[in-house]
N, C-alpha and C. Protein backbone atom coordinates (compact mmCIF):
# COMPACT_ATOMS: atom_id res chain seq x y z
N MET A 1 45.88 -22.59 -9.91
CA MET A 1 44.98 -21.46 -9.68
C MET A 1 44.60 -21.33 -8.20
N ALA A 2 44.30 -22.47 -7.57
CA ALA A 2 43.94 -22.48 -6.15
C ALA A 2 45.10 -21.99 -5.31
N ILE A 3 46.31 -22.39 -5.72
CA ILE A 3 47.51 -21.97 -4.98
C ILE A 3 47.68 -20.47 -5.07
N LEU A 4 47.42 -19.91 -6.26
CA LEU A 4 47.54 -18.46 -6.45
C LEU A 4 46.53 -17.71 -5.59
N ARG A 5 45.29 -18.23 -5.54
CA ARG A 5 44.25 -17.59 -4.71
C ARG A 5 44.63 -17.64 -3.23
N THR A 6 45.14 -18.80 -2.80
CA THR A 6 45.56 -18.94 -1.40
C THR A 6 46.68 -17.96 -1.07
N THR A 7 47.65 -17.86 -1.97
CA THR A 7 48.77 -16.94 -1.77
C THR A 7 48.28 -15.50 -1.71
N PHE A 8 47.30 -15.19 -2.56
CA PHE A 8 46.74 -13.83 -2.60
C PHE A 8 46.08 -13.48 -1.26
N TRP A 9 45.26 -14.42 -0.75
CA TRP A 9 44.55 -14.15 0.50
C TRP A 9 45.50 -14.07 1.69
N ILE A 10 46.52 -14.91 1.68
CA ILE A 10 47.52 -14.86 2.76
C ILE A 10 48.23 -13.52 2.75
N SER A 11 48.58 -13.09 1.53
CA SER A 11 49.27 -11.80 1.39
C SER A 11 48.36 -10.65 1.84
N LEU A 12 47.09 -10.75 1.48
CA LEU A 12 46.13 -9.71 1.86
C LEU A 12 45.94 -9.65 3.38
N LEU A 13 45.84 -10.82 4.00
CA LEU A 13 45.68 -10.88 5.45
C LEU A 13 46.92 -10.35 6.17
N GLU A 14 48.09 -10.65 5.64
CA GLU A 14 49.33 -10.15 6.24
C GLU A 14 49.39 -8.63 6.17
N LYS A 15 48.97 -8.09 5.02
CA LYS A 15 48.96 -6.63 4.87
C LYS A 15 47.94 -5.99 5.81
N ALA A 16 46.77 -6.63 5.93
CA ALA A 16 45.73 -6.11 6.82
C ALA A 16 46.20 -6.15 8.28
N ALA A 17 46.87 -7.25 8.65
CA ALA A 17 47.38 -7.38 10.02
C ALA A 17 48.44 -6.33 10.29
N THR A 18 49.31 -6.12 9.31
CA THR A 18 50.37 -5.11 9.46
C THR A 18 49.76 -3.72 9.62
N LEU A 19 48.76 -3.43 8.79
CA LEU A 19 48.08 -2.14 8.86
C LEU A 19 47.39 -1.96 10.21
N LEU A 20 46.76 -3.04 10.70
CA LEU A 20 46.07 -2.98 11.99
C LEU A 20 47.05 -2.72 13.13
N ILE A 21 48.20 -3.39 13.08
CA ILE A 21 49.23 -3.21 14.11
C ILE A 21 49.75 -1.78 14.10
N ILE A 22 50.01 -1.27 12.90
CA ILE A 22 50.52 0.11 12.78
C ILE A 22 49.48 1.10 13.31
N THR A 23 48.21 0.87 12.92
CA THR A 23 47.13 1.76 13.37
C THR A 23 46.99 1.72 14.89
N LEU A 24 47.03 0.51 15.45
CA LEU A 24 46.90 0.35 16.90
C LEU A 24 48.08 0.98 17.63
N ALA A 25 49.28 0.79 17.07
CA ALA A 25 50.48 1.38 17.68
C ALA A 25 50.38 2.90 17.69
N PHE A 26 49.89 3.46 16.60
CA PHE A 26 49.70 4.91 16.52
C PHE A 26 48.63 5.36 17.50
N TYR A 27 47.56 4.55 17.62
CA TYR A 27 46.42 4.91 18.48
C TYR A 27 46.82 4.97 19.95
N ILE A 28 47.60 3.98 20.41
CA ILE A 28 47.88 3.89 21.84
C ILE A 28 48.92 4.90 22.32
N VAL A 29 49.63 5.55 21.38
CA VAL A 29 50.61 6.56 21.81
C VAL A 29 50.05 7.98 21.71
N GLN A 30 48.80 8.10 21.28
CA GLN A 30 48.19 9.42 21.22
C GLN A 30 48.01 9.98 22.64
N PRO A 31 48.23 11.29 22.83
CA PRO A 31 48.12 11.87 24.17
C PRO A 31 46.67 11.99 24.64
N ILE A 32 46.49 11.81 25.93
CA ILE A 32 45.18 11.99 26.58
C ILE A 32 45.35 13.03 27.68
N GLN A 33 44.49 14.04 27.66
CA GLN A 33 44.49 15.05 28.72
C GLN A 33 43.61 14.54 29.87
N THR A 34 44.11 14.65 31.08
CA THR A 34 43.35 14.17 32.23
C THR A 34 43.61 15.07 33.44
N THR A 35 43.07 14.69 34.56
CA THR A 35 43.34 15.38 35.82
C THR A 35 44.13 14.43 36.73
N GLN A 36 44.81 14.99 37.72
CA GLN A 36 45.64 14.15 38.58
C GLN A 36 44.81 13.18 39.42
N THR A 37 43.59 13.57 39.74
CA THR A 37 42.65 12.65 40.39
C THR A 37 41.43 12.52 39.50
N LEU A 38 40.88 11.33 39.45
CA LEU A 38 39.80 11.03 38.51
C LEU A 38 38.75 10.17 39.21
N PHE A 39 37.47 10.51 38.96
CA PHE A 39 36.40 9.71 39.55
C PHE A 39 36.02 8.57 38.61
N VAL A 40 36.05 7.35 39.14
CA VAL A 40 35.68 6.15 38.38
C VAL A 40 34.37 5.61 38.96
N PRO A 41 33.29 5.59 38.19
CA PRO A 41 32.01 5.11 38.72
C PRO A 41 32.01 3.59 38.88
N GLN A 42 31.10 3.09 39.72
CA GLN A 42 30.93 1.65 39.84
C GLN A 42 30.25 1.13 38.58
N GLY A 43 30.53 -0.12 38.25
CA GLY A 43 29.90 -0.70 37.07
C GLY A 43 30.89 -1.39 36.17
N SER A 44 30.43 -1.69 34.97
CA SER A 44 31.25 -2.42 34.01
C SER A 44 32.31 -1.53 33.39
N ILE A 45 33.29 -2.15 32.73
CA ILE A 45 34.32 -1.39 32.03
C ILE A 45 33.70 -0.56 30.91
N GLY A 46 32.70 -1.13 30.24
CA GLY A 46 32.00 -0.38 29.21
C GLY A 46 31.35 0.87 29.77
N GLY A 47 30.76 0.74 30.97
CA GLY A 47 30.14 1.88 31.63
C GLY A 47 31.16 2.94 32.02
N ILE A 48 32.34 2.50 32.43
CA ILE A 48 33.42 3.43 32.80
C ILE A 48 33.87 4.22 31.58
N ILE A 49 34.05 3.54 30.45
CA ILE A 49 34.47 4.22 29.21
C ILE A 49 33.40 5.21 28.77
N THR A 50 32.13 4.81 28.87
CA THR A 50 31.03 5.72 28.52
C THR A 50 31.05 6.95 29.40
N HIS A 51 31.26 6.76 30.70
CA HIS A 51 31.33 7.88 31.65
C HIS A 51 32.47 8.82 31.27
N LEU A 52 33.64 8.28 30.96
CA LEU A 52 34.78 9.12 30.59
C LEU A 52 34.50 9.90 29.31
N HIS A 53 33.86 9.24 28.35
CA HIS A 53 33.51 9.90 27.09
C HIS A 53 32.56 11.07 27.34
N GLN A 54 31.59 10.85 28.22
CA GLN A 54 30.63 11.92 28.56
C GLN A 54 31.31 13.08 29.27
N LYS A 55 32.42 12.79 29.95
CA LYS A 55 33.16 13.83 30.66
C LYS A 55 34.18 14.54 29.77
N GLY A 56 34.19 14.19 28.49
CA GLY A 56 35.07 14.88 27.55
C GLY A 56 36.36 14.16 27.21
N TYR A 57 36.56 12.97 27.73
CA TYR A 57 37.76 12.21 27.41
C TYR A 57 37.63 11.60 26.01
N LYS A 58 38.72 11.64 25.24
CA LYS A 58 38.70 11.11 23.88
C LYS A 58 38.95 9.60 23.90
N VAL A 59 37.93 8.87 24.32
CA VAL A 59 38.02 7.42 24.40
C VAL A 59 36.94 6.80 23.52
N SER A 60 37.16 5.55 23.14
CA SER A 60 36.23 4.88 22.23
C SER A 60 36.05 3.43 22.65
N VAL A 61 35.30 2.68 21.86
CA VAL A 61 35.06 1.27 22.15
C VAL A 61 36.37 0.48 22.13
N VAL A 62 37.36 0.95 21.36
CA VAL A 62 38.67 0.28 21.34
C VAL A 62 39.29 0.30 22.73
N ASP A 63 39.13 1.43 23.42
CA ASP A 63 39.69 1.56 24.77
C ASP A 63 39.03 0.60 25.75
N LYS A 64 37.78 0.29 25.50
CA LYS A 64 37.07 -0.67 26.35
C LYS A 64 37.80 -2.02 26.33
N TYR A 65 38.17 -2.48 25.14
CA TYR A 65 38.82 -3.79 25.03
C TYR A 65 40.28 -3.73 25.49
N LEU A 66 40.93 -2.60 25.27
CA LEU A 66 42.29 -2.44 25.79
C LEU A 66 42.28 -2.48 27.32
N LEU A 67 41.29 -1.80 27.91
CA LEU A 67 41.19 -1.75 29.37
C LEU A 67 40.85 -3.13 29.94
N MET A 68 40.04 -3.88 29.23
CA MET A 68 39.71 -5.24 29.66
C MET A 68 40.97 -6.10 29.77
N MET A 69 41.90 -5.89 28.85
CA MET A 69 43.14 -6.66 28.88
C MET A 69 44.07 -6.21 30.01
N LEU A 70 43.96 -4.94 30.40
CA LEU A 70 44.85 -4.39 31.43
C LEU A 70 44.35 -4.66 32.85
N GLY A 71 43.03 -4.72 33.03
CA GLY A 71 42.48 -4.96 34.37
C GLY A 71 41.28 -4.09 34.66
N LYS A 72 40.56 -4.43 35.74
CA LYS A 72 39.35 -3.69 36.14
C LYS A 72 39.72 -2.56 37.10
N PRO A 73 39.38 -1.31 36.75
CA PRO A 73 39.68 -0.18 37.63
C PRO A 73 38.90 -0.24 38.94
N GLN A 74 39.49 0.32 40.00
CA GLN A 74 38.77 0.49 41.26
C GLN A 74 37.78 1.64 41.10
N SER A 75 36.64 1.54 41.77
CA SER A 75 35.68 2.63 41.73
C SER A 75 36.03 3.68 42.77
N GLY A 76 35.54 4.89 42.57
CA GLY A 76 35.83 6.00 43.47
C GLY A 76 36.85 6.95 42.86
N TRP A 77 37.38 7.83 43.69
CA TRP A 77 38.41 8.76 43.23
C TRP A 77 39.76 8.05 43.25
N VAL A 78 40.45 8.07 42.10
CA VAL A 78 41.75 7.41 42.00
C VAL A 78 42.82 8.43 41.61
N GLU A 79 44.06 8.11 41.97
CA GLU A 79 45.21 8.97 41.66
C GLU A 79 45.78 8.59 40.31
N ILE A 80 45.70 9.51 39.34
CA ILE A 80 46.34 9.30 38.04
C ILE A 80 47.77 9.83 38.08
N GLY A 81 47.97 10.96 38.73
CA GLY A 81 49.31 11.47 38.99
C GLY A 81 49.90 12.35 37.92
N ALA A 82 49.22 12.53 36.79
CA ALA A 82 49.72 13.39 35.71
C ALA A 82 48.53 13.97 34.96
N THR A 83 48.78 15.02 34.19
CA THR A 83 47.68 15.66 33.44
C THR A 83 47.73 15.34 31.95
N GLU A 84 48.82 14.73 31.50
CA GLU A 84 48.90 14.30 30.10
C GLU A 84 49.69 13.00 30.02
N LEU A 85 49.08 11.99 29.42
CA LEU A 85 49.69 10.67 29.28
C LEU A 85 49.38 10.13 27.89
N THR A 86 50.18 9.17 27.45
CA THR A 86 49.79 8.47 26.23
C THR A 86 48.54 7.65 26.55
N ARG A 87 47.80 7.29 25.54
CA ARG A 87 46.56 6.54 25.76
C ARG A 87 46.83 5.25 26.54
N LEU A 88 47.88 4.53 26.16
CA LEU A 88 48.19 3.27 26.83
C LEU A 88 48.56 3.50 28.29
N ASP A 89 49.37 4.53 28.55
CA ASP A 89 49.75 4.84 29.93
C ASP A 89 48.54 5.24 30.76
N PHE A 90 47.64 6.01 30.14
CA PHE A 90 46.43 6.44 30.83
C PHE A 90 45.57 5.24 31.21
N LEU A 91 45.37 4.32 30.26
CA LEU A 91 44.55 3.14 30.53
C LEU A 91 45.21 2.24 31.58
N TYR A 92 46.53 2.15 31.53
CA TYR A 92 47.25 1.35 32.53
C TYR A 92 47.10 1.96 33.92
N LYS A 93 47.25 3.29 33.99
CA LYS A 93 47.06 3.99 35.27
C LYS A 93 45.64 3.77 35.79
N LEU A 94 44.69 3.85 34.88
CA LEU A 94 43.28 3.68 35.25
C LEU A 94 43.04 2.28 35.81
N ALA A 95 43.69 1.28 35.20
CA ALA A 95 43.49 -0.11 35.62
C ALA A 95 44.18 -0.44 36.93
N THR A 96 45.27 0.26 37.24
CA THR A 96 46.08 -0.11 38.41
C THR A 96 46.05 0.90 39.55
N ALA A 97 45.49 2.09 39.32
CA ALA A 97 45.50 3.14 40.35
C ALA A 97 44.67 2.72 41.56
N LYS A 98 45.16 3.08 42.73
CA LYS A 98 44.45 2.80 43.97
C LYS A 98 43.51 3.96 44.30
N ALA A 99 42.43 3.63 44.98
CA ALA A 99 41.48 4.67 45.39
C ALA A 99 42.16 5.68 46.30
N LYS A 100 41.92 6.95 46.05
CA LYS A 100 42.49 8.01 46.89
C LYS A 100 41.80 7.99 48.25
N MET A 101 42.62 8.02 49.30
CA MET A 101 42.09 7.92 50.66
C MET A 101 42.27 9.22 51.43
N GLN A 102 41.33 9.48 52.32
CA GLN A 102 41.41 10.61 53.24
C GLN A 102 41.42 10.09 54.67
N LYS A 103 42.09 10.83 55.53
CA LYS A 103 42.20 10.41 56.93
C LYS A 103 41.27 11.23 57.81
N LEU A 104 40.61 10.57 58.74
CA LEU A 104 39.82 11.28 59.75
C LEU A 104 40.06 10.63 61.10
N THR A 105 40.06 11.45 62.14
CA THR A 105 40.36 10.96 63.48
C THR A 105 39.29 11.40 64.47
N LEU A 106 38.78 10.44 65.23
CA LEU A 106 37.88 10.74 66.34
C LEU A 106 38.72 10.73 67.61
N ILE A 107 38.82 11.88 68.25
CA ILE A 107 39.61 12.02 69.47
C ILE A 107 38.80 11.50 70.65
N PRO A 108 39.40 10.72 71.54
CA PRO A 108 38.66 10.24 72.73
C PRO A 108 38.05 11.40 73.50
N GLY A 109 36.77 11.28 73.81
CA GLY A 109 36.07 12.33 74.55
C GLY A 109 35.40 13.36 73.67
N GLU A 110 35.70 13.35 72.37
CA GLU A 110 35.08 14.31 71.46
C GLU A 110 33.61 13.95 71.26
N THR A 111 32.74 14.92 71.33
CA THR A 111 31.31 14.65 71.20
C THR A 111 30.93 14.34 69.75
N LYS A 112 29.81 13.66 69.62
CA LYS A 112 29.31 13.31 68.29
C LYS A 112 29.02 14.56 67.46
N VAL A 113 28.48 15.59 68.09
CA VAL A 113 28.15 16.84 67.39
C VAL A 113 29.40 17.49 66.82
N ILE A 114 30.43 17.62 67.65
CA ILE A 114 31.68 18.24 67.19
C ILE A 114 32.34 17.40 66.11
N PHE A 115 32.34 16.08 66.30
CA PHE A 115 32.96 15.17 65.33
C PHE A 115 32.29 15.28 63.96
N PHE A 116 30.96 15.26 63.94
CA PHE A 116 30.24 15.33 62.67
C PHE A 116 30.40 16.69 62.00
N GLU A 117 30.44 17.75 62.79
CA GLU A 117 30.66 19.08 62.22
C GLU A 117 32.05 19.18 61.60
N SER A 118 33.03 18.58 62.25
CA SER A 118 34.39 18.57 61.72
C SER A 118 34.47 17.77 60.42
N ILE A 119 33.81 16.60 60.40
CA ILE A 119 33.78 15.78 59.18
C ILE A 119 33.09 16.54 58.04
N ALA A 120 31.96 17.14 58.34
CA ALA A 120 31.20 17.87 57.32
C ALA A 120 32.05 18.96 56.68
N LYS A 121 32.82 19.64 57.50
CA LYS A 121 33.67 20.72 56.99
C LYS A 121 34.83 20.18 56.17
N SER A 122 35.49 19.14 56.66
CA SER A 122 36.68 18.59 55.99
C SER A 122 36.34 17.83 54.72
N PHE A 123 35.17 17.17 54.70
CA PHE A 123 34.81 16.30 53.58
C PHE A 123 33.72 16.90 52.69
N SER A 124 33.33 18.14 52.99
CA SER A 124 32.25 18.81 52.24
C SER A 124 30.97 17.98 52.25
N LEU A 125 30.58 17.55 53.45
CA LEU A 125 29.37 16.75 53.63
C LEU A 125 28.35 17.53 54.45
N ASP A 126 27.17 16.96 54.60
CA ASP A 126 26.09 17.58 55.35
C ASP A 126 26.03 16.99 56.75
N ALA A 127 26.26 17.82 57.77
CA ALA A 127 26.29 17.35 59.16
C ALA A 127 24.95 16.75 59.58
N ALA A 128 23.84 17.35 59.12
CA ALA A 128 22.51 16.84 59.47
C ALA A 128 22.30 15.42 58.93
N GLN A 129 22.78 15.17 57.71
CA GLN A 129 22.65 13.83 57.13
C GLN A 129 23.52 12.83 57.87
N LEU A 130 24.70 13.27 58.31
CA LEU A 130 25.57 12.38 59.09
C LEU A 130 24.86 11.95 60.37
N HIS A 131 24.24 12.91 61.06
CA HIS A 131 23.49 12.60 62.28
C HIS A 131 22.32 11.65 61.98
N ARG A 132 21.61 11.93 60.90
CA ARG A 132 20.42 11.12 60.56
C ARG A 132 20.82 9.67 60.27
N HIS A 133 21.88 9.49 59.49
CA HIS A 133 22.33 8.13 59.16
C HIS A 133 22.89 7.43 60.39
N TYR A 134 23.55 8.18 61.25
CA TYR A 134 24.07 7.57 62.48
C TYR A 134 22.92 7.06 63.34
N ASP A 135 21.89 7.88 63.52
CA ASP A 135 20.74 7.48 64.33
C ASP A 135 20.04 6.25 63.76
N THR A 136 20.09 6.11 62.44
CA THR A 136 19.45 4.97 61.77
C THR A 136 20.30 3.71 61.85
N LEU A 137 21.61 3.86 61.69
CA LEU A 137 22.49 2.71 61.51
C LEU A 137 23.17 2.20 62.78
N SER A 138 23.41 3.08 63.74
CA SER A 138 24.14 2.66 64.94
C SER A 138 23.19 2.14 66.02
N PRO A 139 23.53 1.03 66.66
CA PRO A 139 22.70 0.53 67.77
C PRO A 139 22.93 1.30 69.06
N TYR A 140 23.90 2.22 69.04
CA TYR A 140 24.26 2.95 70.26
C TYR A 140 24.03 4.45 70.08
N PRO A 141 23.16 5.05 70.91
CA PRO A 141 22.90 6.49 70.81
C PRO A 141 24.16 7.33 70.99
N GLU A 142 25.05 6.89 71.88
CA GLU A 142 26.31 7.59 72.12
C GLU A 142 27.47 6.61 71.99
N ALA A 143 28.62 7.13 71.64
CA ALA A 143 29.86 6.33 71.57
C ALA A 143 29.76 5.17 70.59
N GLY A 144 28.93 5.30 69.58
CA GLY A 144 28.80 4.24 68.59
C GLY A 144 29.93 4.20 67.59
N ILE A 145 30.81 5.21 67.64
CA ILE A 145 31.98 5.23 66.77
C ILE A 145 33.22 5.17 67.64
N TYR A 146 34.04 4.18 67.41
CA TYR A 146 35.24 3.96 68.22
C TYR A 146 36.27 5.05 67.93
N ALA A 147 36.88 5.56 69.00
CA ALA A 147 37.84 6.66 68.85
C ALA A 147 39.17 6.15 68.31
N GLU A 148 39.44 6.45 67.05
CA GLU A 148 40.72 6.12 66.43
C GLU A 148 40.81 6.84 65.09
N THR A 149 41.88 6.57 64.34
CA THR A 149 42.06 7.17 63.01
C THR A 149 41.57 6.21 61.94
N TYR A 150 40.77 6.72 61.02
CA TYR A 150 40.21 5.92 59.92
C TYR A 150 40.72 6.47 58.59
N HIS A 151 40.83 5.60 57.60
CA HIS A 151 41.16 6.00 56.24
C HIS A 151 39.98 5.64 55.35
N VAL A 152 39.40 6.64 54.72
CA VAL A 152 38.19 6.43 53.92
C VAL A 152 38.41 6.95 52.50
N PRO A 153 37.71 6.36 51.52
CA PRO A 153 37.89 6.79 50.13
C PRO A 153 37.47 8.24 49.90
N TYR A 154 38.23 8.93 49.09
CA TYR A 154 37.91 10.30 48.69
C TYR A 154 36.58 10.28 47.92
N GLY A 155 35.70 11.23 48.23
CA GLY A 155 34.43 11.32 47.53
C GLY A 155 33.32 10.49 48.14
N ILE A 156 33.55 9.92 49.31
CA ILE A 156 32.53 9.10 49.98
C ILE A 156 31.35 9.98 50.40
N ASN A 157 30.13 9.43 50.35
CA ASN A 157 28.97 10.23 50.75
C ASN A 157 28.61 9.97 52.22
N GLU A 158 27.59 10.67 52.71
CA GLU A 158 27.25 10.62 54.14
C GLU A 158 26.87 9.20 54.60
N LYS A 159 26.00 8.55 53.86
CA LYS A 159 25.55 7.22 54.27
C LYS A 159 26.69 6.21 54.20
N GLN A 160 27.49 6.27 53.15
CA GLN A 160 28.62 5.35 53.02
C GLN A 160 29.61 5.53 54.16
N LEU A 161 29.88 6.79 54.51
CA LEU A 161 30.83 7.07 55.58
C LEU A 161 30.34 6.54 56.92
N ILE A 162 29.09 6.85 57.27
CA ILE A 162 28.55 6.40 58.56
C ILE A 162 28.46 4.88 58.60
N THR A 163 28.07 4.27 57.49
CA THR A 163 28.02 2.80 57.42
C THR A 163 29.39 2.20 57.72
N PHE A 164 30.41 2.76 57.08
CA PHE A 164 31.78 2.27 57.30
C PHE A 164 32.22 2.45 58.75
N LEU A 165 31.98 3.64 59.31
CA LEU A 165 32.41 3.93 60.69
C LEU A 165 31.67 3.05 61.70
N VAL A 166 30.37 2.89 61.51
CA VAL A 166 29.57 2.09 62.44
C VAL A 166 29.97 0.61 62.36
N GLN A 167 30.11 0.09 61.14
CA GLN A 167 30.48 -1.32 60.99
C GLN A 167 31.87 -1.60 61.56
N SER A 168 32.81 -0.68 61.29
CA SER A 168 34.18 -0.85 61.82
C SER A 168 34.16 -0.82 63.35
N SER A 169 33.39 0.11 63.92
CA SER A 169 33.32 0.25 65.37
C SER A 169 32.65 -0.96 66.01
N ASN A 170 31.56 -1.42 65.42
CA ASN A 170 30.86 -2.59 65.96
C ASN A 170 31.77 -3.82 65.98
N GLN A 171 32.56 -3.97 64.93
CA GLN A 171 33.50 -5.09 64.87
C GLN A 171 34.56 -4.97 65.96
N HIS A 172 35.03 -3.74 66.17
CA HIS A 172 36.03 -3.49 67.21
C HIS A 172 35.45 -3.77 68.59
N TYR A 173 34.24 -3.29 68.84
CA TYR A 173 33.58 -3.53 70.12
C TYR A 173 33.35 -5.03 70.35
N LYS A 174 32.99 -5.73 69.29
CA LYS A 174 32.74 -7.17 69.38
C LYS A 174 34.02 -7.90 69.80
N GLU A 175 35.14 -7.51 69.19
CA GLU A 175 36.42 -8.15 69.51
C GLU A 175 36.82 -7.89 70.96
N ILE A 176 36.63 -6.64 71.42
CA ILE A 176 36.97 -6.30 72.81
C ILE A 176 36.08 -7.07 73.78
N SER A 177 34.77 -7.08 73.51
CA SER A 177 33.82 -7.73 74.41
C SER A 177 34.08 -9.23 74.50
N GLU A 178 34.34 -9.86 73.37
CA GLU A 178 34.60 -11.30 73.37
C GLU A 178 35.90 -11.63 74.09
N LYS A 179 36.86 -10.74 73.98
CA LYS A 179 38.14 -10.95 74.67
C LYS A 179 37.98 -10.80 76.18
N VAL A 180 37.20 -9.81 76.62
CA VAL A 180 37.05 -9.52 78.06
C VAL A 180 35.96 -10.38 78.70
N TYR A 181 34.79 -10.47 78.04
CA TYR A 181 33.63 -11.14 78.64
C TYR A 181 33.34 -12.51 78.04
N GLY A 182 33.98 -12.83 76.93
CA GLY A 182 33.74 -14.11 76.28
C GLY A 182 32.53 -14.12 75.37
N THR A 183 31.82 -13.00 75.31
CA THR A 183 30.64 -12.90 74.46
C THR A 183 30.41 -11.43 74.09
N TYR A 184 29.49 -11.21 73.15
CA TYR A 184 29.16 -9.84 72.75
C TYR A 184 27.65 -9.71 72.63
N ARG A 185 27.07 -8.89 73.52
CA ARG A 185 25.64 -8.62 73.46
C ARG A 185 25.45 -7.11 73.42
N GLU A 186 24.69 -6.65 72.46
CA GLU A 186 24.52 -5.21 72.26
C GLU A 186 23.95 -4.52 73.49
N LYS A 187 22.99 -5.15 74.16
CA LYS A 187 22.37 -4.53 75.33
C LYS A 187 23.39 -4.32 76.45
N GLN A 188 24.21 -5.33 76.68
CA GLN A 188 25.26 -5.23 77.70
C GLN A 188 26.29 -4.17 77.31
N TRP A 189 26.66 -4.17 76.03
CA TRP A 189 27.67 -3.22 75.56
C TRP A 189 27.13 -1.79 75.57
N LEU A 190 25.83 -1.63 75.33
CA LEU A 190 25.21 -0.30 75.41
C LEU A 190 25.37 0.27 76.82
N ARG A 191 25.16 -0.56 77.82
CA ARG A 191 25.33 -0.11 79.21
C ARG A 191 26.77 0.32 79.47
N ILE A 192 27.71 -0.47 78.97
CA ILE A 192 29.13 -0.15 79.15
C ILE A 192 29.48 1.17 78.48
N LEU A 193 29.02 1.36 77.24
CA LEU A 193 29.32 2.59 76.50
C LEU A 193 28.66 3.80 77.15
N THR A 194 27.45 3.61 77.67
CA THR A 194 26.75 4.72 78.32
C THR A 194 27.51 5.18 79.56
N ILE A 195 27.95 4.22 80.36
CA ILE A 195 28.73 4.56 81.56
C ILE A 195 30.05 5.21 81.18
N ALA A 196 30.70 4.67 80.15
CA ALA A 196 31.98 5.24 79.71
C ALA A 196 31.81 6.67 79.23
N SER A 197 30.70 6.94 78.53
CA SER A 197 30.44 8.30 78.04
C SER A 197 30.23 9.27 79.20
N ILE A 198 29.51 8.82 80.23
CA ILE A 198 29.27 9.67 81.40
C ILE A 198 30.58 9.97 82.11
N ILE A 199 31.42 8.95 82.24
CA ILE A 199 32.72 9.14 82.90
C ILE A 199 33.56 10.17 82.16
N GLN A 200 33.59 10.06 80.82
CA GLN A 200 34.37 11.00 80.01
C GLN A 200 33.86 12.43 80.17
N LYS A 201 32.53 12.57 80.23
CA LYS A 201 31.94 13.91 80.33
C LYS A 201 32.15 14.52 81.72
N GLU A 202 32.08 13.68 82.75
CA GLU A 202 32.15 14.18 84.13
C GLU A 202 33.58 14.39 84.62
N ALA A 203 34.51 13.59 84.13
CA ALA A 203 35.90 13.69 84.60
C ALA A 203 36.62 14.84 83.92
N ALA A 204 37.31 15.64 84.71
CA ALA A 204 38.04 16.79 84.15
C ALA A 204 39.32 16.34 83.46
N ASN A 205 39.88 15.21 83.89
CA ASN A 205 41.11 14.69 83.30
C ASN A 205 41.17 13.18 83.53
N ASN A 206 42.24 12.55 83.03
CA ASN A 206 42.37 11.10 83.16
C ASN A 206 42.48 10.65 84.62
N GLN A 207 43.09 11.50 85.44
CA GLN A 207 43.28 11.14 86.84
C GLN A 207 41.94 11.05 87.59
N GLU A 208 40.97 11.84 87.17
CA GLU A 208 39.66 11.84 87.83
C GLU A 208 38.76 10.69 87.39
N MET A 209 39.09 10.06 86.27
CA MET A 209 38.21 9.02 85.73
C MET A 209 37.95 7.87 86.70
N PRO A 210 38.97 7.34 87.40
CA PRO A 210 38.68 6.25 88.35
C PRO A 210 37.73 6.68 89.47
N LEU A 211 37.85 7.93 89.93
CA LEU A 211 36.98 8.43 90.99
C LEU A 211 35.54 8.54 90.51
N VAL A 212 35.38 9.11 89.31
CA VAL A 212 34.03 9.25 88.73
C VAL A 212 33.43 7.87 88.47
N SER A 213 34.24 6.97 87.95
CA SER A 213 33.78 5.60 87.68
C SER A 213 33.30 4.92 88.95
N SER A 214 34.08 5.07 90.02
CA SER A 214 33.72 4.45 91.30
C SER A 214 32.40 5.02 91.82
N ALA A 215 32.23 6.33 91.70
CA ALA A 215 31.00 6.97 92.16
C ALA A 215 29.79 6.48 91.38
N ILE A 216 29.94 6.35 90.07
CA ILE A 216 28.83 5.89 89.22
C ILE A 216 28.44 4.46 89.58
N TYR A 217 29.42 3.58 89.69
CA TYR A 217 29.11 2.17 89.99
C TYR A 217 28.52 2.01 91.39
N ASN A 218 28.95 2.84 92.32
CA ASN A 218 28.36 2.80 93.66
C ASN A 218 26.89 3.18 93.63
N ARG A 219 26.57 4.20 92.83
CA ARG A 219 25.18 4.63 92.70
C ARG A 219 24.33 3.53 92.04
N LEU A 220 24.90 2.91 91.02
CA LEU A 220 24.17 1.84 90.33
C LEU A 220 23.95 0.65 91.26
N LYS A 221 24.96 0.35 92.08
CA LYS A 221 24.87 -0.77 93.01
C LYS A 221 23.75 -0.55 94.03
N LYS A 222 23.57 0.72 94.39
CA LYS A 222 22.54 1.07 95.38
C LYS A 222 21.17 1.29 94.72
N GLY A 223 21.14 1.14 93.39
CA GLY A 223 19.87 1.33 92.69
C GLY A 223 19.51 2.77 92.48
N MET A 224 20.51 3.66 92.62
CA MET A 224 20.26 5.09 92.44
C MET A 224 20.43 5.44 90.97
N PRO A 225 19.69 6.44 90.44
CA PRO A 225 19.79 6.83 89.03
C PRO A 225 21.09 7.58 88.76
């Protein structure tokens, strides 16, 4: 009798497992409608699934555990690359997609006002907020952002952008200063950046820069303003 009961339960479990596998196989091949780029909020995988559900995606608690097995998605705007995928493909894309990046370039000699207005237009941001965060976060009133090309995540806000630009620039200035002077002091570097900004503004071209620089340092040497 015990053997019969054991056989019955084993058979029942096998049937349940088979049914579960079939159900799961059917579930993961169901189509999911999406957009080619998708915003993934910061937080837990459960929070991400909840966010997607609120946005109209047909996802459930099952997808939470499937996504846990596939990996943790990056936060921010990510590239999905298609508008219709099977559920499994969608979750895999979500787990492995890289954050979408945008490029911005600060041209040498470009003023802070023009640069922030250009960023505000290209990134749909508020120029006034960019200025406010810069004044709060940068130790340098002028030239606090190093002139080069940056790659930043799509959907970044004003404070995040300025924080990134200022931190990147400060690190770059630190490396230059330590290489040239053997140390990095903000007060000393502020003087250097201020003089460099004046030279850029006063010189009509690159050829004039040494002349303007010489004139400025001569005035400073004589104690003239």
